[in-house]
């Protein structure tokens, strides 16, 4: 019973974390719509506002009596995985969002659970269970249906759409690699500590990239730029990053990736209310499939699935 509650709480954390993460695309599109900010500046501000929280958390955790000291190899892995997942992946995502809608971005991005399962199977020889296969098929049938509805609604066929789609696909691939890598490190070093340092490294990478590549100043920008960046940092970065890390610890990287399929549903709804993007019947049907896949992975699992 305790094991079931532990796993179920992981599902809940993953759901809430995914919904918070999905708000990032909405905030980015609002910033592009309401201001003249560029992708690199917006991403840099997001990380600047996030960095104090991650550094404070890392310092607090390191002072605990049960603190686990990293080896040099672990430091290198955490830095690489953190930059891959929240520097490279985020940069590709922010640039891609300049070309496509928030709903389309999230639908393309959420091919990453399939990539996670395949990567885990190839790299770590993890067996894909029957229920994971079924949940994947149901979830991605829903994504395909919803995606076709998105394309028909917006009638996207321009070169810009394909450029954006390629960038978001690359984002999905790098984020999947982050999920797989973090799934191996988190049980060894702890979810909160891993997240604090991984995100800290990513933030430093993003800020360094900005100052090397841009001659713009982050001072004296429009007020809305700072407001959107701050909300993005707290609601769509800090809070969900800790929720997802803890979820990975409890239910594993494969299950976390599948449960996170709720993200596109959340983005479509938020895009409707905040951006005025229409919702089609196909998107609604696809949403039902995705929810069915999430429910299946939450209920039908093997007792050992909490281990990674």
C-alpha atoms as a PDB file:
ATOM      1  CA  UNK A   1       0.000   0.000   0.000  1.00  0.00           C
ATOM      2  CA  UNK A   2       2.846   2.381   0.870  1.00  0.00           C
ATOM      3  CA  UNK A   3       4.513   1.586  -2.458  1.00  0.00           C
ATOM      4  CA  UNK A   4       1.273   2.334  -4.318  1.00  0.00           C
ATOM      5  CA  UNK A   5       0.872   5.687  -2.556  1.00  0.00           C
ATOM      6  CA  UNK A   6       4.504   6.537  -3.295  1.00  0.00           C
ATOM      7  CA  UNK A   7       3.988   5.771  -6.992  1.00  0.00           C
ATOM      8  CA  UNK A   8       0.616   7.565  -7.179  1.00  0.00           C
ATOM      9  CA  UNK A   9       2.099  10.723  -5.644  1.00  0.00           C
ATOM     10  CA  UNK A  10       4.788  10.567  -8.303  1.00  0.00           C
ATOM     11  CA  UNK A  11       2.049  10.536 -10.947  1.00  0.00           C
ATOM     12  CA  UNK A  12       0.392  13.590  -9.375  1.00  0.00           C
ATOM     13  CA  UNK A  13       3.691  15.481  -9.141  1.00  0.00           C
ATOM     14  CA  UNK A  14       4.431  14.679 -12.768  1.00  0.00           C
ATOM     15  CA  UNK A  15       1.001  15.864 -13.896  1.00  0.00           C
ATOM     16  CA  UNK A  16       1.254  19.194 -12.068  1.00  0.00           C
ATOM     17  CA  UNK A  17       4.845  19.669 -13.177  1.00  0.00           C
ATOM     18  CA  UNK A  18       3.924  19.021 -16.801  1.00  0.00           C
ATOM     19  CA  UNK A  19       1.037  21.489 -16.663  1.00  0.00           C
ATOM     20  CA  UNK A  20       3.328  24.160 -15.206  1.00  0.00           C
ATOM     21  CA  UNK A  21       5.965  23.439 -17.841  1.00  0.00           C
ATOM     22  CA  UNK A  22       3.347  23.745 -20.582  1.00  0.00           C
ATOM     23  CA  UNK A  23       2.628  27.332 -19.528  1.00  0.00           C
ATOM     24  CA  UNK A  24       6.127  28.268 -20.722  1.00  0.00           C
ATOM     25  CA  UNK A  25       5.095  28.212 -24.390  1.00  0.00           C
ATOM     26  CA  UNK A  26       2.133  30.471 -23.609  1.00  0.00           C
ATOM     27  CA  UNK A  27       4.301  32.991 -21.774  1.00  0.00           C
ATOM     28  CA  UNK A  28       6.882  32.968 -24.589  1.00  0.00           C
ATOM     29  CA  UNK A  29       4.202  33.616 -27.222  1.00  0.00           C
ATOM     30  CA  UNK A  30       2.703  36.396 -25.076  1.00  0.00           C
ATOM     31  CA  UNK A  31       6.130  37.995 -24.777  1.00  0.00           C
ATOM     32  CA  UNK A  32       6.660  37.812 -28.548  1.00  0.00           C
ATOM     33  CA  UNK A  33       3.187  39.220 -29.136  1.00  0.00           C
ATOM     34  CA  UNK A  34       3.329  42.086 -26.648  1.00  0.00           C
ATOM     35  CA  UNK A  35       7.006  43.101 -26.789  1.00  0.00           C
ATOM     36  CA  UNK A  36       9.972  43.316 -29.157  1.00  0.00           C
ATOM     37  CA  UNK A  37      12.179  40.912 -27.167  1.00  0.00           C
ATOM     38  CA  UNK A  38      14.317  38.330 -28.987  1.00  0.00           C
ATOM     39  CA  UNK A  39      14.594  34.640 -28.096  1.00  0.00           C
ATOM     40  CA  UNK A  40      18.077  34.717 -26.544  1.00  0.00           C
ATOM     41  CA  UNK A  41      17.332  37.749 -24.355  1.00  0.00           C
ATOM     42  CA  UNK A  42      14.065  36.242 -23.146  1.00  0.00           C
ATOM     43  CA  UNK A  43      15.746  32.937 -22.318  1.00  0.00           C
ATOM     44  CA  UNK A  44      18.576  34.742 -20.506  1.00  0.00           C
ATOM     45  CA  UNK A  45      16.118  36.700 -18.355  1.00  0.00           C
ATOM     46  CA  UNK A  46      14.236  33.494 -17.543  1.00  0.00           C
ATOM     47  CA  UNK A  47      17.430  31.930 -16.229  1.00  0.00           C
ATOM     48  CA  UNK A  48      18.603  35.071 -14.401  1.00  0.00           C
ATOM     49  CA  UNK A  49      15.369  35.114 -12.408  1.00  0.00           C
ATOM     50  CA  UNK A  50      15.628  31.352 -11.797  1.00  0.00           C
ATOM     51  CA  UNK A  51      19.287  31.215 -10.797  1.00  0.00           C
ATOM     52  CA  UNK A  52      19.009  32.611  -7.235  1.00  0.00           C
ATOM     53  CA  UNK A  53      16.443  29.941  -6.350  1.00  0.00           C
ATOM     54  CA  UNK A  54      18.580  27.095  -7.685  1.00  0.00           C
ATOM     55  CA  UNK A  55      21.760  28.361  -6.019  1.00  0.00           C
ATOM     56  CA  UNK A  56      19.955  28.894  -2.700  1.00  0.00           C
ATOM     57  CA  UNK A  57      18.491  25.400  -2.868  1.00  0.00           C
ATOM     58  CA  UNK A  58      21.886  23.884  -3.732  1.00  0.00           C
ATOM     59  CA  UNK A  59      23.544  25.701  -0.804  1.00  0.00           C
ATOM     60  CA  UNK A  60      20.812  24.620   1.621  1.00  0.00           C
ATOM     61  CA  UNK A  61      20.978  20.974   0.544  1.00  0.00           C
ATOM     62  CA  UNK A  62      24.780  20.902   0.731  1.00  0.00           C
ATOM     63  CA  UNK A  63      24.601  21.965   4.397  1.00  0.00           C
ATOM     64  CA  UNK A  64      22.482  18.987   5.417  1.00  0.00           C
ATOM     65  CA  UNK A  65      24.067  16.217   7.431  1.00  0.00           C
ATOM     66  CA  UNK A  66      23.087  13.546   4.918  1.00  0.00           C
ATOM     67  CA  UNK A  67      24.517  15.494   1.995  1.00  0.00           C
ATOM     68  CA  UNK A  68      26.080  13.277  -0.686  1.00  0.00           C
ATOM     69  CA  UNK A  69      29.266  14.702  -2.178  1.00  0.00           C
ATOM     70  CA  UNK A  70      29.555  14.464  -5.941  1.00  0.00           C
ATOM     71  CA  UNK A  71      32.449  12.735  -7.617  1.00  0.00           C
ATOM     72  CA  UNK A  72      34.235  14.544 -10.438  1.00  0.00           C
ATOM     73  CA  UNK A  73      32.492  12.249 -12.899  1.00  0.00           C
ATOM     74  CA  UNK A  74      29.094  13.065 -11.393  1.00  0.00           C
ATOM     75  CA  UNK A  75      29.822  16.815 -11.537  1.00  0.00           C
ATOM     76  CA  UNK A  76      30.635  16.463 -15.248  1.00  0.00           C
ATOM     77  CA  UNK A  77      27.503  14.415 -15.948  1.00  0.00           C
ATOM     78  CA  UNK A  78      25.227  16.809 -14.075  1.00  0.00           C
ATOM     79  CA  UNK A  79      26.697  19.822 -15.876  1.00  0.00           C
ATOM     80  CA  UNK A  80      26.352  18.147 -19.283  1.00  0.00           C
ATOM     81  CA  UNK A  81      22.842  16.809 -18.693  1.00  0.00           C
ATOM     82  CA  UNK A  82      21.637  20.088 -17.198  1.00  0.00           C
ATOM     83  CA  UNK A  83      22.933  22.148 -20.120  1.00  0.00           C
ATOM     84  CA  UNK A  84      21.538  19.653 -22.608  1.00  0.00           C
ATOM     85  CA  UNK A  85      18.057  19.698 -21.086  1.00  0.00           C
ATOM     86  CA  UNK A  86      17.605  23.353 -20.121  1.00  0.00           C
ATOM     87  CA  UNK A  87      20.160  25.283 -22.169  1.00  0.00           C
ATOM     88  CA  UNK A  88      20.356  23.646 -25.596  1.00  0.00           C
ATOM     89  CA  UNK A  89      16.804  22.306 -25.488  1.00  0.00           C
ATOM     90  CA  UNK A  90      15.336  25.586 -24.235  1.00  0.00           C
ATOM     91  CA  UNK A  91      17.233  27.622 -26.815  1.00  0.00           C
ATOM     92  CA  UNK A  92      15.903  25.453 -29.652  1.00  0.00           C
ATOM     93  CA  UNK A  93      12.404  25.727 -28.189  1.00  0.00           C
ATOM     94  CA  UNK A  94      12.429  29.521 -27.813  1.00  0.00           C
ATOM     95  CA  UNK A  95      13.676  30.014 -31.363  1.00  0.00           C
ATOM     96  CA  UNK A  96      11.174  27.485 -32.736  1.00  0.00           C
ATOM     97  CA  UNK A  97       8.305  29.296 -31.042  1.00  0.00           C
ATOM     98  CA  UNK A  98       9.028  32.315 -33.213  1.00  0.00           C
ATOM     99  CA  UNK A  99       7.753  30.317 -36.217  1.00  0.00           C
ATOM    100  CA  UNK A 100       4.875  28.136 -34.952  1.00  0.00           C
ATOM    101  CA  UNK A 101       1.948  28.347 -32.531  1.00  0.00           C
ATOM    102  CA  UNK A 102       2.151  27.303 -28.891  1.00  0.00           C
ATOM    103  CA  UNK A 103      -0.212  24.378 -29.471  1.00  0.00           C
ATOM    104  CA  UNK A 104       1.806  23.075 -32.428  1.00  0.00           C
ATOM    105  CA  UNK A 105       5.048  23.436 -30.468  1.00  0.00           C
ATOM    106  CA  UNK A 106       3.748  21.336 -27.606  1.00  0.00           C
ATOM    107  CA  UNK A 107       2.340  18.651 -29.886  1.00  0.00           C
ATOM    108  CA  UNK A 108       5.659  18.236 -31.709  1.00  0.00           C
ATOM    109  CA  UNK A 109       7.674  18.450 -28.484  1.00  0.00           C
ATOM    110  CA  UNK A 110       5.727  15.620 -26.912  1.00  0.00           C
ATOM    111  CA  UNK A 111       7.107  12.984 -29.190  1.00  0.00           C
ATOM    112  CA  UNK A 112       9.867  12.901 -26.563  1.00  0.00           C
ATOM    113  CA  UNK A 113       8.312  10.121 -24.424  1.00  0.00           C
ATOM    114  CA  UNK A 114       8.739   7.745 -27.348  1.00  0.00           C
ATOM    115  CA  UNK A 115      12.341   8.895 -27.687  1.00  0.00           C
ATOM    116  CA  UNK A 116      12.898   8.370 -23.950  1.00  0.00           C
ATOM    117  CA  UNK A 117      11.624   4.802 -24.042  1.00  0.00           C
ATOM    118  CA  UNK A 118      13.669   3.982 -27.152  1.00  0.00           C
ATOM    119  CA  UNK A 119      16.827   5.619 -25.766  1.00  0.00           C
ATOM    120  CA  UNK A 120      16.464   3.755 -22.469  1.00  0.00           C
ATOM    121  CA  UNK A 121      15.972   0.505 -24.335  1.00  0.00           C
ATOM    122  CA  UNK A 122      19.036   1.040 -26.545  1.00  0.00           C
ATOM    123  CA  UNK A 123      21.446   2.594 -24.043  1.00  0.00           C
ATOM    124  CA  UNK A 124      20.443   0.901 -20.779  1.00  0.00           C
ATOM    125  CA  UNK A 125      18.761  -2.241 -22.129  1.00  0.00           C
ATOM    126  CA  UNK A 126      15.558  -1.435 -20.215  1.00  0.00           C
ATOM    127  CA  UNK A 127      12.670  -3.662 -21.222  1.00  0.00           C
ATOM    128  CA  UNK A 128       9.595  -1.853 -22.497  1.00  0.00           C
ATOM    129  CA  UNK A 129       6.607  -3.336 -20.669  1.00  0.00           C
ATOM    130  CA  UNK A 130       3.317  -4.285 -22.292  1.00  0.00           C
ATOM    131  CA  UNK A 131       1.426  -1.490 -20.540  1.00  0.00           C
ATOM    132  CA  UNK A 132       4.042   1.069 -21.542  1.00  0.00           C
ATOM    133  CA  UNK A 133       3.631   0.030 -25.178  1.00  0.00           C
ATOM    134  CA  UNK A 134      -0.153   0.267 -24.924  1.00  0.00           C
ATOM    135  CA  UNK A 135       0.018   3.641 -23.148  1.00  0.00           C
ATOM    136  CA  UNK A 136       2.442   4.962 -25.764  1.00  0.00           C
ATOM    137  CA  UNK A 137       0.243   3.805 -28.646  1.00  0.00           C
ATOM    138  CA  UNK A 138      -2.879   5.344 -27.121  1.00  0.00           C
ATOM    139  CA  UNK A 139      -1.139   8.602 -26.161  1.00  0.00           C
ATOM    140  CA  UNK A 140       0.502   9.102 -29.527  1.00  0.00           C
ATOM    141  CA  UNK A 141      -2.574   8.171 -31.460  1.00  0.00           C
ATOM    142  CA  UNK A 142      -4.149  11.044 -29.562  1.00  0.00           C
ATOM    143  CA  UNK A 143      -1.225  13.314 -30.359  1.00  0.00           C
ATOM    144  CA  UNK A 144      -1.457  12.462 -34.058  1.00  0.00           C
ATOM    145  CA  UNK A 145      -5.182  13.197 -34.105  1.00  0.00           C
ATOM    146  CA  UNK A 146      -4.724  16.452 -32.202  1.00  0.00           C
ATOM    147  CA  UNK A 147      -1.823  17.454 -34.446  1.00  0.00           C
ATOM    148  CA  UNK A 148      -3.897  16.923 -37.599  1.00  0.00           C
ATOM    149  CA  UNK A 149      -6.566  19.114 -36.051  1.00  0.00           C
ATOM    150  CA  UNK A 150      -3.975  21.793 -35.295  1.00  0.00           C
ATOM    151  CA  UNK A 151      -2.714  21.768 -38.870  1.00  0.00           C
ATOM    152  CA  UNK A 152      -6.235  21.989 -40.319  1.00  0.00           C
ATOM    153  CA  UNK A 153      -7.180  24.854 -38.015  1.00  0.00           C
ATOM    154  CA  UNK A 154      -4.125  27.020 -38.681  1.00  0.00           C
ATOM    155  CA  UNK A 155      -3.549  25.801 -42.254  1.00  0.00           C
ATOM    156  CA  UNK A 156       0.193  25.765 -41.685  1.00  0.00           C
ATOM    157  CA  UNK A 157       2.205  24.954 -44.796  1.00  0.00           C
ATOM    158  CA  UNK A 158       4.841  27.676 -45.000  1.00  0.00           C
ATOM    159  CA  UNK A 159       8.606  27.259 -44.843  1.00  0.00           C
ATOM    160  CA  UNK A 160       8.593  28.967 -41.459  1.00  0.00           C
ATOM    161  CA  UNK A 161       6.397  26.237 -40.037  1.00  0.00           C
ATOM    162  CA  UNK A 162       8.798  23.514 -41.161  1.00  0.00           C
ATOM    163  CA  UNK A 163      11.791  25.410 -39.790  1.00  0.00           C
ATOM    164  CA  UNK A 164       9.994  25.741 -36.470  1.00  0.00           C
ATOM    165  CA  UNK A 165       8.947  22.077 -36.522  1.00  0.00           C
ATOM    166  CA  UNK A 166      12.548  20.925 -37.097  1.00  0.00           C
ATOM    167  CA  UNK A 167      13.793  23.093 -34.248  1.00  0.00           C
ATOM    168  CA  UNK A 168      11.131  21.747 -31.883  1.00  0.00           C
ATOM    169  CA  UNK A 169      11.935  18.171 -32.940  1.00  0.00           C
ATOM    170  CA  UNK A 170      15.582  18.806 -32.062  1.00  0.00           C
ATOM    171  CA  UNK A 171      14.378  20.222 -28.750  1.00  0.00           C
ATOM    172  CA  UNK A 172      12.383  17.034 -28.114  1.00  0.00           C
ATOM    173  CA  UNK A 173      15.434  14.879 -28.823  1.00  0.00           C
ATOM    174  CA  UNK A 174      17.730  16.800 -26.455  1.00  0.00           C
ATOM    175  CA  UNK A 175      15.083  16.902 -23.727  1.00  0.00           C
ATOM    176  CA  UNK A 176      14.554  13.148 -24.062  1.00  0.00           C
ATOM    177  CA  UNK A 177      18.301  12.662 -23.571  1.00  0.00           C
ATOM    178  CA  UNK A 178      18.037  14.819 -20.431  1.00  0.00           C
ATOM    179  CA  UNK A 179      15.208  12.674 -19.050  1.00  0.00           C
ATOM    180  CA  UNK A 180      17.120   9.448 -19.701  1.00  0.00           C
ATOM    181  CA  UNK A 181      20.334  10.768 -18.182  1.00  0.00           C
ATOM    182  CA  UNK A 182      18.651  12.286 -15.145  1.00  0.00           C
ATOM    183  CA  UNK A 183      16.773   9.053 -14.538  1.00  0.00           C
ATOM    184  CA  UNK A 184      20.105   7.364 -13.803  1.00  0.00           C
ATOM    185  CA  UNK A 185      21.633  10.137 -11.707  1.00  0.00           C
ATOM    186  CA  UNK A 186      18.698  11.203  -9.535  1.00  0.00           C
ATOM    187  CA  UNK A 187      18.508   7.966  -7.461  1.00  0.00           C
ATOM    188  CA  UNK A 188      22.217   8.300  -6.680  1.00  0.00           C
ATOM    189  CA  UNK A 189      22.439  11.983  -5.757  1.00  0.00           C
ATOM    190  CA  UNK A 190      18.855  12.915  -4.826  1.00  0.00           C
ATOM    191  CA  UNK A 191      16.142  14.661  -6.828  1.00  0.00           C
ATOM    192  CA  UNK A 192      16.327  18.142  -5.280  1.00  0.00           C
ATOM    193  CA  UNK A 193      20.125  18.299  -5.274  1.00  0.00           C
ATOM    194  CA  UNK A 194      20.405  17.075  -8.848  1.00  0.00           C
ATOM    195  CA  UNK A 195      17.811  19.560 -10.041  1.00  0.00           C
ATOM    196  CA  UNK A 196      19.397  22.508  -8.234  1.00  0.00           C
ATOM    197  CA  UNK A 197      22.838  21.950  -9.697  1.00  0.00           C
ATOM    198  CA  UNK A 198      21.691  20.818 -13.156  1.00  0.00           C
ATOM    199  CA  UNK A 199      19.483  23.882 -13.538  1.00  0.00           C
ATOM    200  CA  UNK A 200      22.241  26.071 -12.096  1.00  0.00           C
ATOM    201  CA  UNK A 201      24.688  24.862 -14.742  1.00  0.00           C
ATOM    202  CA  UNK A 202      22.062  25.375 -17.453  1.00  0.00           C
ATOM    203  CA  UNK A 203      21.382  28.916 -16.236  1.00  0.00           C
ATOM    204  CA  UNK A 204      25.081  29.781 -16.320  1.00  0.00           C
ATOM    205  CA  UNK A 205      25.293  28.319 -19.829  1.00  0.00           C
ATOM    206  CA  UNK A 206      22.356  30.394 -21.079  1.00  0.00           C
ATOM    207  CA  UNK A 207      23.615  33.634 -19.518  1.00  0.00           C
ATOM    208  CA  UNK A 208      27.118  33.049 -20.896  1.00  0.00           C
ATOM    209  CA  UNK A 209      25.646  32.374 -24.340  1.00  0.00           C
ATOM    210  CA  UNK A 210      23.759  35.666 -24.195  1.00  0.00           C
ATOM    211  CA  UNK A 211      26.782  37.786 -23.293  1.00  0.00           C
ATOM    212  CA  UNK A 212      28.976  36.071 -25.903  1.00  0.00           C
ATOM    213  CA  UNK A 213      26.480  36.171 -28.773  1.00  0.00           C
ATOM    214  CA  UNK A 214      24.496  39.350 -28.185  1.00  0.00           C
ATOM    215  CA  UNK A 215      25.353  43.039 -28.000  1.00  0.00           C
ATOM    216  CA  UNK A 216      21.971  43.873 -26.468  1.00  0.00           C
ATOM    217  CA  UNK A 217      21.474  45.043 -22.906  1.00  0.00           C
ATOM    218  CA  UNK A 218      19.060  43.369 -20.509  1.00  0.00           C
ATOM    219  CA  UNK A 219      18.519  46.698 -18.750  1.00  0.00           C
ATOM    220  CA  UNK A 220      15.789  49.192 -19.633  1.00  0.00           C
ATOM    221  CA  UNK A 221      13.604  46.693 -21.474  1.00  0.00           C
ATOM    222  CA  UNK A 222       9.832  46.912 -21.568  1.00  0.00           C
ATOM    223  CA  UNK A 223       8.127  46.173 -18.255  1.00  0.00           C
ATOM    224  CA  UNK A 224       6.168  43.303 -19.794  1.00  0.00           C
ATOM    225  CA  UNK A 225       9.414  41.566 -20.747  1.00  0.00           C
ATOM    226  CA  UNK A 226      10.480  41.365 -17.104  1.00  0.00           C
ATOM    227  CA  UNK A 227       6.992  40.343 -15.991  1.00  0.00           C
ATOM    228  CA  UNK A 228       6.756  37.487 -18.485  1.00  0.00           C
ATOM    229  CA  UNK A 229      10.330  36.405 -17.756  1.00  0.00           C
ATOM    230  CA  UNK A 230       9.704  36.319 -14.007  1.00  0.00           C
ATOM    231  CA  UNK A 231       6.501  34.289 -14.387  1.00  0.00           C
ATOM    232  CA  UNK A 232       8.324  31.965 -16.765  1.00  0.00           C
ATOM    233  CA  UNK A 233      11.139  31.535 -14.258  1.00  0.00           C
ATOM    234  CA  UNK A 234       8.930  30.681 -11.270  1.00  0.00           C
ATOM    235  CA  UNK A 235       5.810  29.028 -12.687  1.00  0.00           C
ATOM    236  CA  UNK A 236       7.279  27.380 -15.787  1.00  0.00           C
ATOM    237  CA  UNK A 237      10.841  26.636 -14.616  1.00  0.00           C
ATOM    238  CA  UNK A 238      11.575  26.491 -10.882  1.00  0.00           C
ATOM    239  CA  UNK A 239       8.402  24.841  -9.586  1.00  0.00           C
ATOM    240  CA  UNK A 240       7.948  22.235 -12.336  1.00  0.00           C
ATOM    241  CA  UNK A 241      11.646  21.324 -12.473  1.00  0.00           C
ATOM    242  CA  UNK A 242      11.543  20.165  -8.836  1.00  0.00           C
ATOM    243  CA  UNK A 243       8.194  18.430  -9.315  1.00  0.00           C
ATOM    244  CA  UNK A 244       9.433  16.514 -12.372  1.00  0.00           C
ATOM    245  CA  UNK A 245      12.719  15.547 -10.703  1.00  0.00           C
ATOM    246  CA  UNK A 246      10.853  14.094  -7.722  1.00  0.00           C
ATOM    247  CA  UNK A 247       8.425  12.350 -10.072  1.00  0.00           C
ATOM    248  CA  UNK A 248      11.312  10.716 -11.952  1.00  0.00           C
ATOM    249  CA  UNK A 249      12.646   9.483  -8.628  1.00  0.00           C
ATOM    250  CA  UNK A 250       9.290   7.915  -7.732  1.00  0.00           C
ATOM    251  CA  UNK A 251       8.020   6.472 -11.010  1.00  0.00           C
ATOM    252  CA  UNK A 252      11.051   6.318 -13.305  1.00  0.00           C
ATOM    253  CA  UNK A 253      11.998   8.232 -16.445  1.00  0.00           C
ATOM    254  CA  UNK A 254       9.897   6.131 -18.845  1.00  0.00           C
ATOM    255  CA  UNK A 255       6.678   6.506 -16.866  1.00  0.00           C
ATOM    256  CA  UNK A 256       7.362  10.198 -16.230  1.00  0.00           C
ATOM    257  CA  UNK A 257       7.731  10.778 -19.953  1.00  0.00           C
ATOM    258  CA  UNK A 258       4.437   9.040 -20.713  1.00  0.00           C
ATOM    259  CA  UNK A 259       2.475  10.795 -17.947  1.00  0.00           C
ATOM    260  CA  UNK A 260       3.869  14.106 -19.199  1.00  0.00           C
ATOM    261  CA  UNK A 261       1.781  13.610 -22.343  1.00  0.00           C
ATOM    262  CA  UNK A 262      -0.800  15.715 -20.530  1.00  0.00           C
ATOM    263  CA  UNK A 263       1.365  18.698 -21.521  1.00  0.00           C
ATOM    264  CA  UNK A 264      -0.036  19.177 -25.034  1.00  0.00           C
ATOM    265  CA  UNK A 265      -3.585  19.068 -23.684  1.00  0.00           C
ATOM    266  CA  UNK A 266      -2.755  21.756 -21.165  1.00  0.00           C
ATOM    267  CA  UNK A 267      -1.054  23.916 -23.785  1.00  0.00           C
ATOM    268  CA  UNK A 268      -3.973  23.676 -26.217  1.00  0.00           C
ATOM    269  CA  UNK A 269      -6.395  24.789 -23.496  1.00  0.00           C
ATOM    270  CA  UNK A 270      -4.127  27.592 -22.265  1.00  0.00           C
ATOM    271  CA  UNK A 271      -3.508  28.744 -25.833  1.00  0.00           C
ATOM    272  CA  UNK A 272      -7.286  28.933 -26.349  1.00  0.00           C
ATOM    273  CA  UNK A 273      -7.880  31.062 -23.247  1.00  0.00           C
ATOM    274  CA  UNK A 274      -4.770  33.283 -23.292  1.00  0.00           C
ATOM    275  CA  UNK A 275      -3.785  33.487 -26.966  1.00  0.00           C
ATOM    276  CA  UNK A 276      -7.127  32.996 -28.682  1.00  0.00           C
ATOM    277  CA  UNK A 277      -5.912  29.939 -30.619  1.00  0.00           C
ATOM    278  CA  UNK A 278      -8.956  27.876 -31.718  1.00  0.00           C
ATOM    279  CA  UNK A 279      -9.639  24.290 -30.618  1.00  0.00           C
ATOM    280  CA  UNK A 280     -10.893  21.818 -33.214  1.00  0.00           C
ATOM    281  CA  UNK A 281     -12.944  18.651 -32.774  1.00  0.00           C
ATOM    282  CA  UNK A 282      -9.870  16.597 -33.687  1.00  0.00           C
ATOM    283  CA  UNK A 283      -7.886  18.281 -30.937  1.00  0.00           C
ATOM    284  CA  UNK A 284     -10.621  17.421 -28.449  1.00  0.00           C
ATOM    285  CA  UNK A 285     -10.682  13.767 -29.574  1.00  0.00           C
ATOM    286  CA  UNK A 286      -6.906  13.623 -29.368  1.00  0.00           C
ATOM    287  CA  UNK A 287      -7.093  15.005 -25.851  1.00  0.00           C
ATOM    288  CA  UNK A 288      -9.332  12.115 -24.779  1.00  0.00           C
ATOM    289  CA  UNK A 289      -6.832   9.580 -26.158  1.00  0.00           C
ATOM    290  CA  UNK A 290      -3.951  11.245 -24.330  1.00  0.00           C
ATOM    291  CA  UNK A 291      -5.825  11.252 -21.034  1.00  0.00           C
ATOM    292  CA  UNK A 292      -6.651   7.554 -21.528  1.00  0.00           C
ATOM    293  CA  UNK A 293      -2.957   6.784 -22.011  1.00  0.00           C
ATOM    294  CA  UNK A 294      -2.025   8.712 -18.866  1.00  0.00           C
ATOM    295  CA  UNK A 295      -4.719   6.898 -16.877  1.00  0.00           C
ATOM    296  CA  UNK A 296      -3.476   3.528 -18.116  1.00  0.00           C
ATOM    297  CA  UNK A 297       0.118   4.131 -17.082  1.00  0.00           C
ATOM    298  CA  UNK A 298      -1.117   5.361 -13.687  1.00  0.00           C
ATOM    299  CA  UNK A 299      -3.182   2.238 -12.919  1.00  0.00           C
ATOM    300  CA  UNK A 300      -1.633  -0.656 -14.855  1.00  0.00           C
ATOM    301  CA  UNK A 301       1.969  -1.065 -13.782  1.00  0.00           C
ATOM    302  CA  UNK A 302       4.314  -3.670 -12.409  1.00  0.00           C
ATOM    303  CA  UNK A 303       5.312  -3.497  -8.736  1.00  0.00           C
ATOM    304  CA  UNK A 304       8.946  -2.937  -9.638  1.00  0.00           C
ATOM    305  CA  UNK A 305       8.341   0.016 -11.918  1.00  0.00           C
ATOM    306  CA  UNK A 306       9.351   2.544  -9.275  1.00  0.00           C
ATOM    307  CA  UNK A 307      12.973   1.493  -9.586  1.00  0.00           C
ATOM    308  CA  UNK A 308      15.175   2.884 -12.311  1.00  0.00           C
END
